[in-house]
Protein backbone atom coordinates (compact mmCIF):
# COMPACT_ATOMS: atom_id res chain seq x y z
CA MET A 1 130.65 114.32 109.27
CA THR A 2 130.67 116.76 106.33
CA THR A 3 133.58 118.37 104.95
CA LYS A 4 134.18 120.60 101.66
CA ASP A 5 135.24 117.74 99.74
CA ASP A 6 135.86 114.12 101.43
CA ASN A 7 138.41 113.96 98.73
CA ALA A 8 140.26 117.08 99.26
CA PRO A 9 144.03 116.83 100.37
CA GLY A 10 143.70 118.44 104.22
CA ALA A 11 140.26 118.48 104.13
CA ARG A 12 138.52 119.83 107.40
CA PRO A 13 135.39 119.00 109.22
CA LEU A 14 132.83 122.07 108.81
CA GLY A 15 131.73 122.63 112.28
CA PRO A 16 133.27 122.30 116.41
CA SER A 17 132.12 117.71 115.42
CA GLN A 18 135.84 116.40 117.07
CA GLU A 19 133.84 112.43 116.43
CA GLY A 20 136.14 109.97 117.56
CA SER A 21 138.35 112.14 119.11
CA ASP A 22 139.26 111.54 123.50
CA ARG A 23 138.86 115.09 123.83
CA ALA A 24 135.03 115.31 122.73
CA MET A 25 134.03 113.58 126.30
CA ASN A 26 136.06 116.35 127.81
CA THR A 27 133.35 119.42 129.16
CA LYS A 28 134.53 122.61 127.88
CA HIS A 29 135.58 124.19 131.40
CA ALA A 30 137.80 120.70 131.57
CA GLU A 31 139.74 122.27 128.27
CA VAL A 32 140.24 125.68 129.63
CA ARG A 33 141.51 123.93 132.73
CA ALA A 34 143.95 121.86 130.60
CA GLN A 35 145.31 124.52 129.20
CA GLN A 36 145.47 126.87 132.29
CA ARG A 37 146.84 124.37 134.27
CA GLY A 38 149.37 123.03 132.18
CA ILE A 39 148.50 119.89 131.51
CA PRO A 40 148.78 118.62 127.76
CA PRO A 41 145.96 116.03 125.95
CA MET A 42 148.60 112.77 126.03
CA ILE A 43 148.45 113.02 130.54
CA ASP A 44 144.76 113.56 129.54
CA GLN A 45 144.12 110.21 127.57
CA LEU A 46 147.20 108.39 130.12
CA LEU A 47 144.47 109.77 133.24
CA ASP A 48 141.48 107.85 131.26
CA LEU A 49 144.33 104.27 130.41
CA TYR A 50 145.94 104.08 133.65
CA GLY A 51 144.26 106.53 136.20
CA GLN A 52 143.77 104.86 139.68
CA GLU A 53 139.88 105.52 140.26
CA GLU A 54 137.88 106.66 143.14
CA HIS A 55 134.60 107.35 143.84
CA ASP A 56 134.06 111.83 145.13
CA GLY A 57 131.21 110.77 147.92
CA ARG A 58 129.14 113.46 145.58
CA GLY A 59 128.31 111.76 142.22
CA ALA A 60 132.17 112.49 140.44
CA ILE A 61 134.93 110.03 139.68
CA VAL A 62 138.21 110.88 140.22
CA LEU A 63 141.40 109.68 138.15
CA TYR A 64 145.13 109.71 139.42
CA LEU A 65 148.08 108.29 138.91
CA SER A 66 149.17 106.23 141.93
CA LYS A 67 152.22 104.68 142.27
CA ASP A 68 150.89 100.96 140.83
CA SER A 69 149.40 102.84 138.20
CA ILE A 70 153.36 104.59 137.27
CA ARG A 71 154.48 101.12 137.51
CA SER A 72 152.50 100.03 135.32
CA MET A 73 152.51 102.59 132.28
CA GLU A 74 156.80 101.49 133.03
CA ARG A 75 155.73 97.86 132.31
CA ASP A 76 154.08 99.29 128.41
CA LEU A 77 155.65 102.14 127.41
CA GLY A 78 158.82 102.23 128.99
CA ARG A 79 160.92 103.69 132.46
CA ARG A 80 162.70 106.22 130.46
CA PRO A 81 159.73 108.01 128.72
CA VAL A 82 157.66 107.12 131.94
CA SER A 83 160.24 109.98 134.31
CA ARG A 84 159.90 112.12 131.79
CA LEU A 85 156.53 112.80 132.36
CA ALA A 86 157.22 112.63 136.53
CA GLU A 87 156.77 116.37 135.92
CA TRP A 88 152.33 115.57 134.92
CA PHE A 89 151.94 112.36 137.85
CA ASP A 90 150.61 114.78 140.46
CA ALA A 91 147.54 115.43 137.61
CA TYR A 92 144.00 114.85 138.13
CA LYS A 93 140.78 114.45 136.54
CA VAL A 94 137.27 114.32 137.62
CA LYS A 95 134.60 112.62 135.20
CA SER A 96 130.75 112.29 135.83
CA THR A 97 129.41 108.75 135.77
CA ASP A 98 128.27 108.96 132.37
CA GLY A 99 131.69 109.73 131.41
CA HIS A 100 132.19 113.45 130.36
CA THR A 101 135.07 114.73 131.83
CA ILE A 102 134.13 117.99 134.19
CA THR A 103 137.46 119.52 134.89
CA VAL A 104 141.36 118.86 135.21
CA GLY A 105 144.25 119.87 137.86
CA HIS A 106 147.19 119.19 139.53
CA ARG A 107 146.85 117.45 143.24
CA THR A 108 147.82 119.62 146.00
CA ARG A 109 146.85 118.22 149.12
CA ARG A 110 146.98 114.44 149.41
CA LEU A 111 143.90 112.28 148.56
CA TRP A 112 141.87 110.60 151.14
CA ARG A 113 141.02 107.58 150.74
CA LYS A 114 137.88 105.83 152.74
């Protein structure tokens, strides 16, 4: 990572590099959609950690929060903090098989599993 002066307080990298960041795995499209749809980066991370994975049949993986994954979050994080996130429990994330996020959104219909 290149900076103006590595010892300077508040030194920032030159250029758009986001090394070590989970957001670096998102496509530009996914970042724009997340902002447009009001899905915070924390929900993106929770989908990665706790999301239920399903293959969509088109070569991608859909991550969403199921009842079991929400219960798992409650065990790890506590019931009250998780209940405050209920607004985003309908969020989903579509990833390619190599791990890059394609898009994110809110479920408006039931996910049918085969």
